[in-house]
Amino acid sequence: MTEAIRNGLYSITTTLLDGVHGGQTGVSVLRNGAMLGGGSVLYHFGSYHCSGGKWKGEVTSQEHSPTIEVRPFAGYVASMGFAGTYTDDGAEFEATALVGKRSIRLKTVFRLLIAD
């Protein structure tokens, strides 16, 4: 196991939980405790701390290209704290996002594409 999450470019897949329809794919750069990335509709930024195969932090997600599609995050800035695990090849976390007056649970999986 690596001591810290490897700096690099990651593929990300987010799945909404509890039967909520939606999700997102994209990329994220994890570097020295900072997270930046996005996909076709949303971008995200945040920070994290990691040690011993576990990581936690906070991330904010927002639309960069509003669409006519009805999505749970459409029109909102969603901030959330997260906690999860990591290995040499990737990481994952679960979080609860406050989206307007609605709480949405989600799981995000990071797969390392290119290490720094």
PDB file of N, CA and C in Angstrom:
ATOM      1  N   MET A   1       0.849  -1.184   0.000  1.00  0.00           N
ATOM      2  CA  MET A   1       0.000   0.000   0.000  1.00  0.00           C
ATOM      3  C   MET A   1       0.889   1.240   0.000  1.00  0.00           C
ATOM      4  N   THR A   2       0.473   2.212  -0.758  1.00  0.00           N
ATOM      5  CA  THR A   2       1.200   3.465  -0.819  1.00  0.00           C
ATOM      6  C   THR A   2       0.892   4.304   0.426  1.00  0.00           C
ATOM      7  N   GLU A   3       1.859   5.096   0.848  1.00  0.00           N
ATOM      8  CA  GLU A   3       1.671   5.914   2.042  1.00  0.00           C
ATOM      9  C   GLU A   3       0.665   7.036   1.813  1.00  0.00           C
ATOM     10  N   ALA A   4       0.630   7.575   0.606  1.00  0.00           N
ATOM     11  CA  ALA A   4      -0.300   8.655   0.275  1.00  0.00           C
ATOM     12  C   ALA A   4      -0.913   8.370  -1.087  1.00  0.00           C
ATOM     13  N   ILE A   5      -1.999   9.024  -1.374  1.00  0.00           N
ATOM     14  CA  ILE A   5      -2.602   8.908  -2.698  1.00  0.00           C
ATOM     15  C   ILE A   5      -1.594   9.437  -3.709  1.00  0.00           C
ATOM     16  N   ARG A   6      -1.396   8.699  -4.794  1.00  0.00           N
ATOM     17  CA  ARG A   6      -0.429   9.114  -5.808  1.00  0.00           C
ATOM     18  C   ARG A   6      -0.941  10.352  -6.541  1.00  0.00           C
ATOM     19  N   ASN A   7      -0.078  11.330  -6.720  1.00  0.00           N
ATOM     20  CA  ASN A   7      -0.418  12.492  -7.534  1.00  0.00           C
ATOM     21  C   ASN A   7      -0.608  12.030  -8.966  1.00  0.00           C
ATOM     22  N   GLY A   8      -1.625  12.566  -9.652  1.00  0.00           N
ATOM     23  CA  GLY A   8      -1.812  12.202 -11.041  1.00  0.00           C
ATOM     24  C   GLY A   8      -3.202  12.505 -11.557  1.00  0.00           C
ATOM     25  N   LEU A   9      -3.449  12.007 -12.761  1.00  0.00           N
ATOM     26  CA  LEU A   9      -4.728  12.166 -13.442  1.00  0.00           C
ATOM     27  C   LEU A   9      -5.539  10.884 -13.255  1.00  0.00           C
ATOM     28  N   TYR A  10      -6.772  11.036 -12.829  1.00  0.00           N
ATOM     29  CA  TYR A  10      -7.649   9.912 -12.532  1.00  0.00           C
ATOM     30  C   TYR A  10      -8.921   9.983 -13.372  1.00  0.00           C
ATOM     31  N   SER A  11      -9.389   8.840 -13.786  1.00  0.00           N
ATOM     32  CA  SER A  11     -10.727   8.690 -14.352  1.00  0.00           C
ATOM     33  C   SER A  11     -11.670   8.571 -13.160  1.00  0.00           C
ATOM     34  N   ILE A  12     -12.819   9.254 -13.214  1.00  0.00           N
ATOM     35  CA  ILE A  12     -13.770   9.151 -12.107  1.00  0.00           C
ATOM     36  C   ILE A  12     -15.148   8.724 -12.613  1.00  0.00           C
ATOM     37  N   THR A  13     -15.813   7.945 -11.795  1.00  0.00           N
ATOM     38  CA  THR A  13     -17.194   7.535 -12.050  1.00  0.00           C
ATOM     39  C   THR A  13     -17.976   7.746 -10.771  1.00  0.00           C
ATOM     40  N   THR A  14     -19.017   8.549 -10.850  1.00  0.00           N
ATOM     41  CA  THR A  14     -19.872   8.807  -9.693  1.00  0.00           C
ATOM     42  C   THR A  14     -21.230   8.169  -9.938  1.00  0.00           C
ATOM     43  N   THR A  15     -21.686   7.420  -8.950  1.00  0.00           N
ATOM     44  CA  THR A  15     -22.986   6.774  -8.991  1.00  0.00           C
ATOM     45  C   THR A  15     -23.827   7.312  -7.847  1.00  0.00           C
ATOM     46  N   LEU A  16     -25.057   7.704  -8.140  1.00  0.00           N
ATOM     47  CA  LEU A  16     -25.963   8.146  -7.095  1.00  0.00           C
ATOM     48  C   LEU A  16     -26.578   6.914  -6.450  1.00  0.00           C
ATOM     49  N   LEU A  17     -26.752   6.956  -5.142  1.00  0.00           N
ATOM     50  CA  LEU A  17     -27.236   5.814  -4.384  1.00  0.00           C
ATOM     51  C   LEU A  17     -28.702   5.982  -3.986  1.00  0.00           C
ATOM     52  N   ASP A  18     -29.245   4.980  -3.331  1.00  0.00           N
ATOM     53  CA  ASP A  18     -30.613   5.014  -2.801  1.00  0.00           C
ATOM     54  C   ASP A  18     -31.674   5.178  -3.882  1.00  0.00           C
ATOM     55  N   GLY A  19     -31.404   4.654  -5.080  1.00  0.00           N
ATOM     56  CA  GLY A  19     -32.393   4.684  -6.151  1.00  0.00           C
ATOM     57  C   GLY A  19     -32.537   6.005  -6.872  1.00  0.00           C
ATOM     58  N   VAL A  20     -31.669   6.981  -6.585  1.00  0.00           N
ATOM     59  CA  VAL A  20     -31.719   8.268  -7.275  1.00  0.00           C
ATOM     60  C   VAL A  20     -31.088   8.086  -8.656  1.00  0.00           C
ATOM     61  N   HIS A  21     -31.780   8.522  -9.695  1.00  0.00           N
ATOM     62  CA  HIS A  21     -31.292   8.380 -11.062  1.00  0.00           C
ATOM     63  C   HIS A  21     -30.239   9.446 -11.359  1.00  0.00           C
ATOM     64  N   GLY A  22     -29.133   9.017 -11.960  1.00  0.00           N
ATOM     65  CA  GLY A  22     -28.099   9.967 -12.364  1.00  0.00           C
ATOM     66  C   GLY A  22     -26.724   9.454 -12.029  1.00  0.00           C
ATOM     67  N   GLY A  23     -25.756  10.212 -12.411  1.00  0.00           N
ATOM     68  CA  GLY A  23     -24.358   9.887 -12.199  1.00  0.00           C
ATOM     69  C   GLY A  23     -23.524  10.728 -13.138  1.00  0.00           C
ATOM     70  N   GLN A  24     -22.220  10.556 -13.062  1.00  0.00           N
ATOM     71  CA  GLN A  24     -21.326  11.395 -13.860  1.00  0.00           C
ATOM     72  C   GLN A  24     -20.021  10.652 -14.060  1.00  0.00           C
ATOM     73  N   THR A  25     -19.403  10.863 -15.198  1.00  0.00           N
ATOM     74  CA  THR A  25     -18.044  10.385 -15.429  1.00  0.00           C
ATOM     75  C   THR A  25     -17.195  11.587 -15.808  1.00  0.00           C
ATOM     76  N   GLY A  26     -15.910  11.474 -15.605  1.00  0.00           N
ATOM     77  CA  GLY A  26     -15.015  12.569 -15.956  1.00  0.00           C
ATOM     78  C   GLY A  26     -13.603  12.256 -15.542  1.00  0.00           C
ATOM     79  N   VAL A  27     -12.825  13.295 -15.314  1.00  0.00           N
ATOM     80  CA  VAL A  27     -11.444  13.156 -14.869  1.00  0.00           C
ATOM     81  C   VAL A  27     -11.195  14.074 -13.688  1.00  0.00           C
ATOM     82  N   SER A  28     -10.183  13.740 -12.904  1.00  0.00           N
ATOM     83  CA  SER A  28      -9.808  14.550 -11.762  1.00  0.00           C
ATOM     84  C   SER A  28      -8.308  14.480 -11.576  1.00  0.00           C
ATOM     85  N   VAL A  29      -7.700  15.595 -11.236  1.00  0.00           N
ATOM     86  CA  VAL A  29      -6.292  15.640 -10.881  1.00  0.00           C
ATOM     87  C   VAL A  29      -6.221  15.694  -9.364  1.00  0.00           C
ATOM     88  N   LEU A  30      -5.516  14.726  -8.783  1.00  0.00           N
ATOM     89  CA  LEU A  30      -5.238  14.719  -7.349  1.00  0.00           C
ATOM     90  C   LEU A  30      -3.766  15.043  -7.191  1.00  0.00           C
ATOM     91  N   ARG A  31      -3.479  16.103  -6.434  1.00  0.00           N
ATOM     92  CA  ARG A  31      -2.082  16.515  -6.275  1.00  0.00           C
ATOM     93  C   ARG A  31      -1.895  17.207  -4.932  1.00  0.00           C
ATOM     94  N   ASN A  32      -1.091  16.566  -4.085  1.00  0.00           N
ATOM     95  CA  ASN A  32      -0.672  17.154  -2.810  1.00  0.00           C
ATOM     96  C   ASN A  32      -1.837  17.713  -1.995  1.00  0.00           C
ATOM     97  N   GLY A  33      -2.928  16.976  -1.928  1.00  0.00           N
ATOM     98  CA  GLY A  33      -4.067  17.379  -1.111  1.00  0.00           C
ATOM     99  C   GLY A  33      -5.103  18.229  -1.814  1.00  0.00           C
ATOM    100  N   ALA A  34      -4.919  18.495  -3.095  1.00  0.00           N
ATOM    101  CA  ALA A  34      -5.898  19.278  -3.864  1.00  0.00           C
ATOM    102  C   ALA A  34      -6.522  18.407  -4.947  1.00  0.00           C
ATOM    103  N   MET A  35      -7.806  18.647  -5.215  1.00  0.00           N
ATOM    104  CA  MET A  35      -8.565  17.907  -6.219  1.00  0.00           C
ATOM    105  C   MET A  35      -9.213  18.902  -7.170  1.00  0.00           C
ATOM    106  N   LEU A  36      -9.008  18.698  -8.499  1.00  0.00           N
ATOM    107  CA  LEU A  36      -9.612  19.545  -9.527  1.00  0.00           C
ATOM    108  C   LEU A  36     -10.021  18.664 -10.692  1.00  0.00           C
ATOM    109  N   GLY A  37     -11.213  18.903 -11.254  1.00  0.00           N
ATOM    110  CA  GLY A  37     -11.600  18.109 -12.407  1.00  0.00           C
ATOM    111  C   GLY A  37     -13.003  18.398 -12.869  1.00  0.00           C
ATOM    112  N   GLY A  38     -13.513  17.495 -13.709  1.00  0.00           N
ATOM    113  CA  GLY A  38     -14.869  17.655 -14.192  1.00  0.00           C
ATOM    114  C   GLY A  38     -15.200  16.684 -15.298  1.00  0.00           C
ATOM    115  N   GLY A  39     -16.392  16.865 -15.825  1.00  0.00           N
ATOM    116  CA  GLY A  39     -16.895  16.049 -16.917  1.00  0.00           C
ATOM    117  C   GLY A  39     -17.624  16.924 -17.905  1.00  0.00           C
ATOM    118  N   SER A  40     -18.595  16.353 -18.605  1.00  0.00           N
ATOM    119  CA  SER A  40     -19.279  17.076 -19.673  1.00  0.00           C
ATOM    120  C   SER A  40     -20.217  18.169 -19.164  1.00  0.00           C
ATOM    121  N   VAL A  41     -20.662  18.076 -17.909  1.00  0.00           N
ATOM    122  CA  VAL A  41     -21.627  19.050 -17.391  1.00  0.00           C
ATOM    123  C   VAL A  41     -21.156  19.715 -16.094  1.00  0.00           C
ATOM    124  N   LEU A  42     -20.467  18.952 -15.235  1.00  0.00           N
ATOM    125  CA  LEU A  42     -20.071  19.444 -13.915  1.00  0.00           C
ATOM    126  C   LEU A  42     -18.560  19.561 -13.796  1.00  0.00           C
ATOM    127  N   TYR A  43     -18.108  20.487 -12.936  1.00  0.00           N
ATOM    128  CA  TYR A  43     -16.711  20.523 -12.537  1.00  0.00           C
ATOM    129  C   TYR A  43     -16.667  20.431 -11.021  1.00  0.00           C
ATOM    130  N   HIS A  44     -15.505  20.066 -10.491  1.00  0.00           N
ATOM    131  CA  HIS A  44     -15.378  19.950  -9.038  1.00  0.00           C
ATOM    132  C   HIS A  44     -13.991  20.428  -8.592  1.00  0.00           C
ATOM    133  N   PHE A  45     -13.937  20.827  -7.328  1.00  0.00           N
ATOM    134  CA  PHE A  45     -12.692  21.221  -6.697  1.00  0.00           C
ATOM    135  C   PHE A  45     -12.800  20.913  -5.212  1.00  0.00           C
ATOM    136  N   GLY A  46     -11.677  20.593  -4.614  1.00  0.00           N
ATOM    137  CA  GLY A  46     -11.717  20.276  -3.195  1.00  0.00           C
ATOM    138  C   GLY A  46     -10.340  20.019  -2.638  1.00  0.00           C
ATOM    139  N   SER A  47     -10.334  19.509  -1.412  1.00  0.00           N
ATOM    140  CA  SER A  47      -9.080  19.184  -0.742  1.00  0.00           C
ATOM    141  C   SER A  47      -9.269  17.887   0.034  1.00  0.00           C
ATOM    142  N   TYR A  48      -8.147  17.242   0.336  1.00  0.00           N
ATOM    143  CA  TYR A  48      -8.205  15.968   1.032  1.00  0.00           C
ATOM    144  C   TYR A  48      -6.951  15.760   1.872  1.00  0.00           C
ATOM    145  N   HIS A  49      -7.072  14.843   2.827  1.00  0.00           N
ATOM    146  CA  HIS A  49      -5.970  14.368   3.656  1.00  0.00           C
ATOM    147  C   HIS A  49      -5.998  12.852   3.571  1.00  0.00           C
ATOM    148  N   CYS A  50      -4.826  12.225   3.574  1.00  0.00           N
ATOM    149  CA  CYS A  50      -4.797  10.771   3.465  1.00  0.00           C
ATOM    150  C   CYS A  50      -3.685  10.189   4.322  1.00  0.00           C
ATOM    151  N   SER A  51      -3.925   8.965   4.786  1.00  0.00           N
ATOM    152  CA  SER A  51      -2.930   8.250   5.576  1.00  0.00           C
ATOM    153  C   SER A  51      -3.392   6.815   5.761  1.00  0.00           C
ATOM    154  N   GLY A  52      -2.473   5.886   5.636  1.00  0.00           N
ATOM    155  CA  GLY A  52      -2.764   4.504   5.949  1.00  0.00           C
ATOM    156  C   GLY A  52      -3.899   3.869   5.165  1.00  0.00           C
ATOM    157  N   GLY A  53      -4.056   4.266   3.891  1.00  0.00           N
ATOM    158  CA  GLY A  53      -5.100   3.686   3.058  1.00  0.00           C
ATOM    159  C   GLY A  53      -6.475   4.314   3.202  1.00  0.00           C
ATOM    160  N   LYS A  54      -6.587   5.350   4.028  1.00  0.00           N
ATOM    161  CA  LYS A  54      -7.870   6.056   4.195  1.00  0.00           C
ATOM    162  C   LYS A  54      -7.680   7.525   3.848  1.00  0.00           C
ATOM    163  N   TRP A  55      -8.736   8.102   3.272  1.00  0.00           N
ATOM    164  CA  TRP A  55      -8.685   9.521   2.955  1.00  0.00           C
ATOM    165  C   TRP A  55     -10.012  10.159   3.277  1.00  0.00           C
ATOM    166  N   LYS A  56      -9.965  11.468   3.526  1.00  0.00           N
ATOM    167  CA  LYS A  56     -11.184  12.235   3.774  1.00  0.00           C
ATOM    168  C   LYS A  56     -10.931  13.667   3.338  1.00  0.00           C
ATOM    169  N   GLY A  57     -12.015  14.367   3.081  1.00  0.00           N
ATOM    170  CA  GLY A  57     -11.867  15.743   2.647  1.00  0.00           C
ATOM    171  C   GLY A  57     -13.206  16.368   2.336  1.00  0.00           C
ATOM    172  N   GLU A  58     -13.157  17.403   1.527  1.00  0.00           N
ATOM    173  CA  GLU A  58     -14.365  18.090   1.102  1.00  0.00           C
ATOM    174  C   GLU A  58     -14.244  18.424  -0.374  1.00  0.00           C
ATOM    175  N   VAL A  59     -15.384  18.405  -1.060  1.00  0.00           N
ATOM    176  CA  VAL A  59     -15.407  18.689  -2.492  1.00  0.00           C
ATOM    177  C   VAL A  59     -16.673  19.467  -2.819  1.00  0.00           C
ATOM    178  N   THR A  60     -16.559  20.375  -3.774  1.00  0.00           N
ATOM    179  CA  THR A  60     -17.684  21.172  -4.257  1.00  0.00           C
ATOM    180  C   THR A  60     -17.859  20.894  -5.741  1.00  0.00           C
ATOM    181  N   SER A  61     -19.097  20.727  -6.170  1.00  0.00           N
ATOM    182  CA  SER A  61     -19.417  20.432  -7.556  1.00  0.00           C
ATOM    183  C   SER A  61     -20.420  21.453  -8.072  1.00  0.00           C
ATOM    184  N   GLN A  62     -20.247  21.868  -9.334  1.00  0.00           N
ATOM    185  CA  GLN A  62     -21.138  22.864  -9.928  1.00  0.00           C
ATOM    186  C   GLN A  62     -21.171  22.671 -11.441  1.00  0.00           C
ATOM    187  N   GLU A  63     -22.286  23.049 -12.056  1.00  0.00           N
ATOM    188  CA  GLU A  63     -22.395  22.989 -13.519  1.00  0.00           C
ATOM    189  C   GLU A  63     -21.469  24.010 -14.169  1.00  0.00           C
ATOM    190  N   HIS A  64     -20.819  23.626 -15.251  1.00  0.00           N
ATOM    191  CA  HIS A  64     -20.091  24.592 -16.074  1.00  0.00           C
ATOM    192  C   HIS A  64     -20.849  24.839 -17.371  1.00  0.00           C
ATOM    193  N   SER A  65     -21.724  23.911 -17.737  1.00  0.00           N
ATOM    194  CA  SER A  65     -22.524  24.024 -18.954  1.00  0.00           C
ATOM    195  C   SER A  65     -23.956  23.601 -18.651  1.00  0.00           C
ATOM    196  N   PRO A  66     -24.810  24.544 -18.265  1.00  0.00           N
ATOM    197  CA  PRO A  66     -26.196  24.175 -17.969  1.00  0.00           C
ATOM    198  C   PRO A  66     -26.838  23.452 -19.163  1.00  0.00           C
ATOM    199  N   THR A  67     -27.610  22.434 -18.855  1.00  0.00           N
ATOM    200  CA  THR A  67     -28.272  21.654 -19.889  1.00  0.00           C
ATOM    201  C   THR A  67     -29.779  21.721 -19.692  1.00  0.00           C
ATOM    202  N   ILE A  68     -30.509  21.242 -20.684  1.00  0.00           N
ATOM    203  CA  ILE A  68     -31.959  21.189 -20.546  1.00  0.00           C
ATOM    204  C   ILE A  68     -32.388  19.902 -19.849  1.00  0.00           C
ATOM    205  N   GLU A  69     -31.426  18.996 -19.636  1.00  0.00           N
ATOM    206  CA  GLU A  69     -31.740  17.751 -18.943  1.00  0.00           C
ATOM    207  C   GLU A  69     -32.087  18.029 -17.488  1.00  0.00           C
ATOM    208  N   VAL A  70     -32.951  17.193 -16.968  1.00  0.00           N
ATOM    209  CA  VAL A  70     -33.286  17.288 -15.551  1.00  0.00           C
ATOM    210  C   VAL A  70     -32.334  16.354 -14.809  1.00  0.00           C
ATOM    211  N   ARG A  71     -31.438  16.931 -14.043  1.00  0.00           N
ATOM    212  CA  ARG A  71     -30.470  16.183 -13.243  1.00  0.00           C
ATOM    213  C   ARG A  71     -30.594  16.652 -11.803  1.00  0.00           C
ATOM    214  N   PRO A  72     -30.309  15.773 -10.854  1.00  0.00           N
ATOM    215  CA  PRO A  72     -30.431  16.184  -9.445  1.00  0.00           C
ATOM    216  C   PRO A  72     -29.568  17.378  -9.062  1.00  0.00           C
ATOM    217  N   PHE A  73     -28.395  17.549  -9.711  1.00  0.00           N
ATOM    218  CA  PHE A  73     -27.490  18.641  -9.352  1.00  0.00           C
ATOM    219  C   PHE A  73     -27.700  19.893 -10.211  1.00  0.00           C
ATOM    220  N   ALA A  74     -28.594  19.848 -11.177  1.00  0.00           N
ATOM    221  CA  ALA A  74     -28.801  20.962 -12.104  1.00  0.00           C
ATOM    222  C   ALA A  74     -29.166  22.240 -11.353  1.00  0.00           C
ATOM    223  N   GLY A  75     -28.413  23.293 -11.620  1.00  0.00           N
ATOM    224  CA  GLY A  75     -28.696  24.599 -11.044  1.00  0.00           C
ATOM    225  C   GLY A  75     -28.201  24.796  -9.622  1.00  0.00           C
ATOM    226  N   TYR A  76     -27.514  23.821  -9.051  1.00  0.00           N
ATOM    227  CA  TYR A  76     -27.071  23.920  -7.664  1.00  0.00           C
ATOM    228  C   TYR A  76     -25.554  23.840  -7.554  1.00  0.00           C
ATOM    229  N   VAL A  77     -25.039  24.461  -6.512  1.00  0.00           N
ATOM    230  CA  VAL A  77     -23.674  24.234  -6.069  1.00  0.00           C
ATOM    231  C   VAL A  77     -23.799  23.221  -4.944  1.00  0.00           C
ATOM    232  N   ALA A  78     -23.132  22.079  -5.088  1.00  0.00           N
ATOM    233  CA  ALA A  78     -23.234  21.013  -4.088  1.00  0.00           C
ATOM    234  C   ALA A  78     -21.890  20.845  -3.387  1.00  0.00           C
ATOM    235  N   SER A  79     -21.879  21.002  -2.084  1.00  0.00           N
ATOM    236  CA  SER A  79     -20.671  20.798  -1.291  1.00  0.00           C
ATOM    237  C   SER A  79     -20.876  19.604  -0.379  1.00  0.00           C
ATOM    238  N   MET A  80     -19.806  18.845  -0.178  1.00  0.00           N
ATOM    239  CA  MET A  80     -19.937  17.657   0.657  1.00  0.00           C
ATOM    240  C   MET A  80     -18.607  17.289   1.284  1.00  0.00           C
ATOM    241  N   GLY A  81     -18.679  16.686   2.445  1.00  0.00           N
ATOM    242  CA  GLY A  81     -17.532  16.045   3.051  1.00  0.00           C
ATOM    243  C   GLY A  81     -17.541  14.597   2.598  1.00  0.00           C
ATOM    244  N   PHE A  82     -16.364  13.977   2.546  1.00  0.00           N
ATOM    245  CA  PHE A  82     -16.314  12.585   2.115  1.00  0.00           C
ATOM    246  C   PHE A  82     -15.278  11.816   2.928  1.00  0.00           C
ATOM    247  N   ALA A  83     -15.403  10.490   2.895  1.00  0.00           N
ATOM    248  CA  ALA A  83     -14.434   9.588   3.509  1.00  0.00           C
ATOM    249  C   ALA A  83     -14.401   8.315   2.684  1.00  0.00           C
ATOM    250  N   GLY A  84     -13.206   7.734   2.556  1.00  0.00           N
ATOM    251  CA  GLY A  84     -13.081   6.519   1.775  1.00  0.00           C
ATOM    252  C   GLY A  84     -11.718   5.880   1.929  1.00  0.00           C
ATOM    253  N   THR A  85     -11.356   5.063   0.935  1.00  0.00           N
ATOM    254  CA  THR A  85     -10.107   4.316   0.956  1.00  0.00           C
ATOM    255  C   THR A  85      -9.337   4.548  -0.339  1.00  0.00           C
ATOM    256  N   TYR A  86      -8.033   4.194  -0.323  1.00  0.00           N
ATOM    257  CA  TYR A  86      -7.218   4.296  -1.534  1.00  0.00           C
ATOM    258  C   TYR A  86      -6.189   3.182  -1.575  1.00  0.00           C
ATOM    259  N   THR A  87      -5.695   2.905  -2.791  1.00  0.00           N
ATOM    260  CA  THR A  87      -4.624   1.945  -3.036  1.00  0.00           C
ATOM    261  C   THR A  87      -3.638   2.607  -3.984  1.00  0.00           C
ATOM    262  N   ASP A  88      -2.657   1.841  -4.475  1.00  0.00           N
ATOM    263  CA  ASP A  88      -1.697   2.378  -5.440  1.00  0.00           C
ATOM    264  C   ASP A  88      -2.355   2.764  -6.760  1.00  0.00           C
ATOM    265  N   ASP A  89      -3.466   2.119  -7.101  1.00  0.00           N
ATOM    266  CA  ASP A  89      -4.089   2.300  -8.413  1.00  0.00           C
ATOM    267  C   ASP A  89      -5.346   3.152  -8.429  1.00  0.00           C
ATOM    268  N   GLY A  90      -5.815   3.591  -7.262  1.00  0.00           N
ATOM    269  CA  GLY A  90      -7.037   4.377  -7.263  1.00  0.00           C
ATOM    270  C   GLY A  90      -7.555   4.637  -5.872  1.00  0.00           C
ATOM    271  N   ALA A  91      -8.780   5.146  -5.838  1.00  0.00           N
ATOM    272  CA  ALA A  91      -9.405   5.516  -4.572  1.00  0.00           C
ATOM    273  C   ALA A  91     -10.918   5.503  -4.761  1.00  0.00           C
ATOM    274  N   GLU A  92     -11.625   5.537  -3.661  1.00  0.00           N
ATOM    275  CA  GLU A  92     -13.076   5.670  -3.715  1.00  0.00           C
ATOM    276  C   GLU A  92     -13.558   6.339  -2.445  1.00  0.00           C
ATOM    277  N   PHE A  93     -14.729   6.942  -2.544  1.00  0.00           N
ATOM    278  CA  PHE A  93     -15.355   7.514  -1.357  1.00  0.00           C
ATOM    279  C   PHE A  93     -16.861   7.496  -1.502  1.00  0.00           C
ATOM    280  N   GLU A  94     -17.526   7.599  -0.355  1.00  0.00           N
ATOM    281  CA  GLU A  94     -18.963   7.822  -0.303  1.00  0.00           C
ATOM    282  C   GLU A  94     -19.179   9.148   0.392  1.00  0.00           C
ATOM    283  N   ALA A  95     -20.240   9.835  -0.008  1.00  0.00           N
ATOM    284  CA  ALA A  95     -20.540  11.147   0.557  1.00  0.00           C
ATOM    285  C   ALA A  95     -22.042  11.398   0.483  1.00  0.00           C
ATOM    286  N   THR A  96     -22.473  12.396   1.219  1.00  0.00           N
ATOM    287  CA  THR A  96     -23.850  12.886   1.120  1.00  0.00           C
ATOM    288  C   THR A  96     -23.775  14.352   0.728  1.00  0.00           C
ATOM    289  N   ALA A  97     -24.352  14.673  -0.423  1.00  0.00           N
ATOM    290  CA  ALA A  97     -24.343  16.045  -0.929  1.00  0.00           C
ATOM    291  C   ALA A  97     -25.652  16.720  -0.569  1.00  0.00           C
ATOM    292  N   LEU A  98     -25.581  17.947  -0.105  1.00  0.00           N
ATOM    293  CA  LEU A  98     -26.780  18.758   0.107  1.00  0.00           C
ATOM    294  C   LEU A  98     -27.014  19.527  -1.187  1.00  0.00           C
ATOM    295  N   VAL A  99     -28.100  19.171  -1.867  1.00  0.00           N
ATOM    296  CA  VAL A  99     -28.430  19.750  -3.173  1.00  0.00           C
ATOM    297  C   VAL A  99     -29.765  20.462  -3.012  1.00  0.00           C
ATOM    298  N   GLY A 100     -29.705  21.791  -2.871  1.00  0.00           N
ATOM    299  CA  GLY A 100     -30.919  22.524  -2.530  1.00  0.00           C
ATOM    300  C   GLY A 100     -31.351  22.090  -1.137  1.00  0.00           C
ATOM    301  N   LYS A 101     -32.574  21.579  -1.014  1.00  0.00           N
ATOM    302  CA  LYS A 101     -33.068  21.085   0.273  1.00  0.00           C
ATOM    303  C   LYS A 101     -33.035  19.560   0.340  1.00  0.00           C
ATOM    304  N   ARG A 102     -32.395  18.953  -0.640  1.00  0.00           N
ATOM    305  CA  ARG A 102     -32.371  17.496  -0.760  1.00  0.00           C
ATOM    306  C   ARG A 102     -30.976  16.952  -0.444  1.00  0.00           C
ATOM    307  N   SER A 103     -30.907  15.864   0.292  1.00  0.00           N
ATOM    308  CA  SER A 103     -29.653  15.164   0.551  1.00  0.00           C
ATOM    309  C   SER A 103     -29.553  13.994  -0.412  1.00  0.00           C
ATOM    310  N   ILE A 104     -28.420  13.873  -1.108  1.00  0.00           N
ATOM    311  CA  ILE A 104     -28.215  12.806  -2.081  1.00  0.00           C
ATOM    312  C   ILE A 104     -26.925  12.078  -1.739  1.00  0.00           C
ATOM    313  N   ARG A 105     -27.043  10.777  -1.507  1.00  0.00           N
ATOM    314  CA  ARG A 105     -25.857   9.959  -1.255  1.00  0.00           C
ATOM    315  C   ARG A 105     -25.245   9.521  -2.575  1.00  0.00           C
ATOM    316  N   LEU A 106     -23.915   9.462  -2.607  1.00  0.00           N
ATOM    317  CA  LEU A 106     -23.223   9.072  -3.831  1.00  0.00           C
ATOM    318  C   LEU A 106     -21.949   8.322  -3.519  1.00  0.00           C
ATOM    319  N   LYS A 107     -21.466   7.600  -4.526  1.00  0.00           N
ATOM    320  CA  LYS A 107     -20.180   6.905  -4.437  1.00  0.00           C
ATOM    321  C   LYS A 107     -19.359   7.304  -5.654  1.00  0.00           C
ATOM    322  N   THR A 108     -18.093   7.672  -5.426  1.00  0.00           N
ATOM    323  CA  THR A 108     -17.196   8.040  -6.516  1.00  0.00           C
ATOM    324  C   THR A 108     -15.974   7.131  -6.487  1.00  0.00           C
ATOM    325  N   VAL A 109     -15.619   6.607  -7.665  1.00  0.00           N
ATOM    326  CA  VAL A 109     -14.468   5.727  -7.819  1.00  0.00           C
ATOM    327  C   VAL A 109     -13.454   6.435  -8.715  1.00  0.00           C
ATOM    328  N   PHE A 110     -12.204   6.492  -8.250  1.00  0.00           N
ATOM    329  CA  PHE A 110     -11.084   7.100  -8.973  1.00  0.00           C
ATOM    330  C   PHE A 110     -10.170   5.981  -9.456  1.00  0.00           C
ATOM    331  N   ARG A 111      -9.824   5.990 -10.748  1.00  0.00           N
ATOM    332  CA  ARG A 111      -8.893   5.015 -11.311  1.00  0.00           C
ATOM    333  C   ARG A 111      -7.706   5.778 -11.894  1.00  0.00           C
ATOM    334  N   LEU A 112      -6.503   5.492 -11.406  1.00  0.00           N
ATOM    335  CA  LEU A 112      -5.309   6.217 -11.838  1.00  0.00           C
ATOM    336  C   LEU A 112      -5.038   5.972 -13.320  1.00  0.00           C
ATOM    337  N   LEU A 113      -4.931   7.058 -14.083  1.00  0.00           N
ATOM    338  CA  LEU A 113      -4.596   6.987 -15.513  1.00  0.00           C
ATOM    339  C   LEU A 113      -3.120   7.267 -15.743  1.00  0.00           C
ATOM    340  N   ILE A 114      -2.637   8.387 -15.177  1.00  0.00           N
ATOM    341  CA  ILE A 114      -1.248   8.797 -15.355  1.00  0.00           C
ATOM    342  C   ILE A 114      -0.743   9.353 -14.029  1.00  0.00           C
ATOM    343  N   ALA A 115       0.310   8.752 -13.488  1.00  0.00           N
ATOM    344  CA  ALA A 115       0.907   9.255 -12.253  1.00  0.00           C
ATOM    345  C   ALA A 115       1.909  10.356 -12.583  1.00  0.00           C
ATOM    346  N   ASP A 116       2.014  11.336 -11.684  1.00  0.00           N
ATOM    347  CA  ASP A 116       3.020  12.398 -11.839  1.00  0.00           C
ATOM    348  C   ASP A 116       4.405  11.829 -11.662  1.00  0.00           C
TER     349      ASP A 116
END
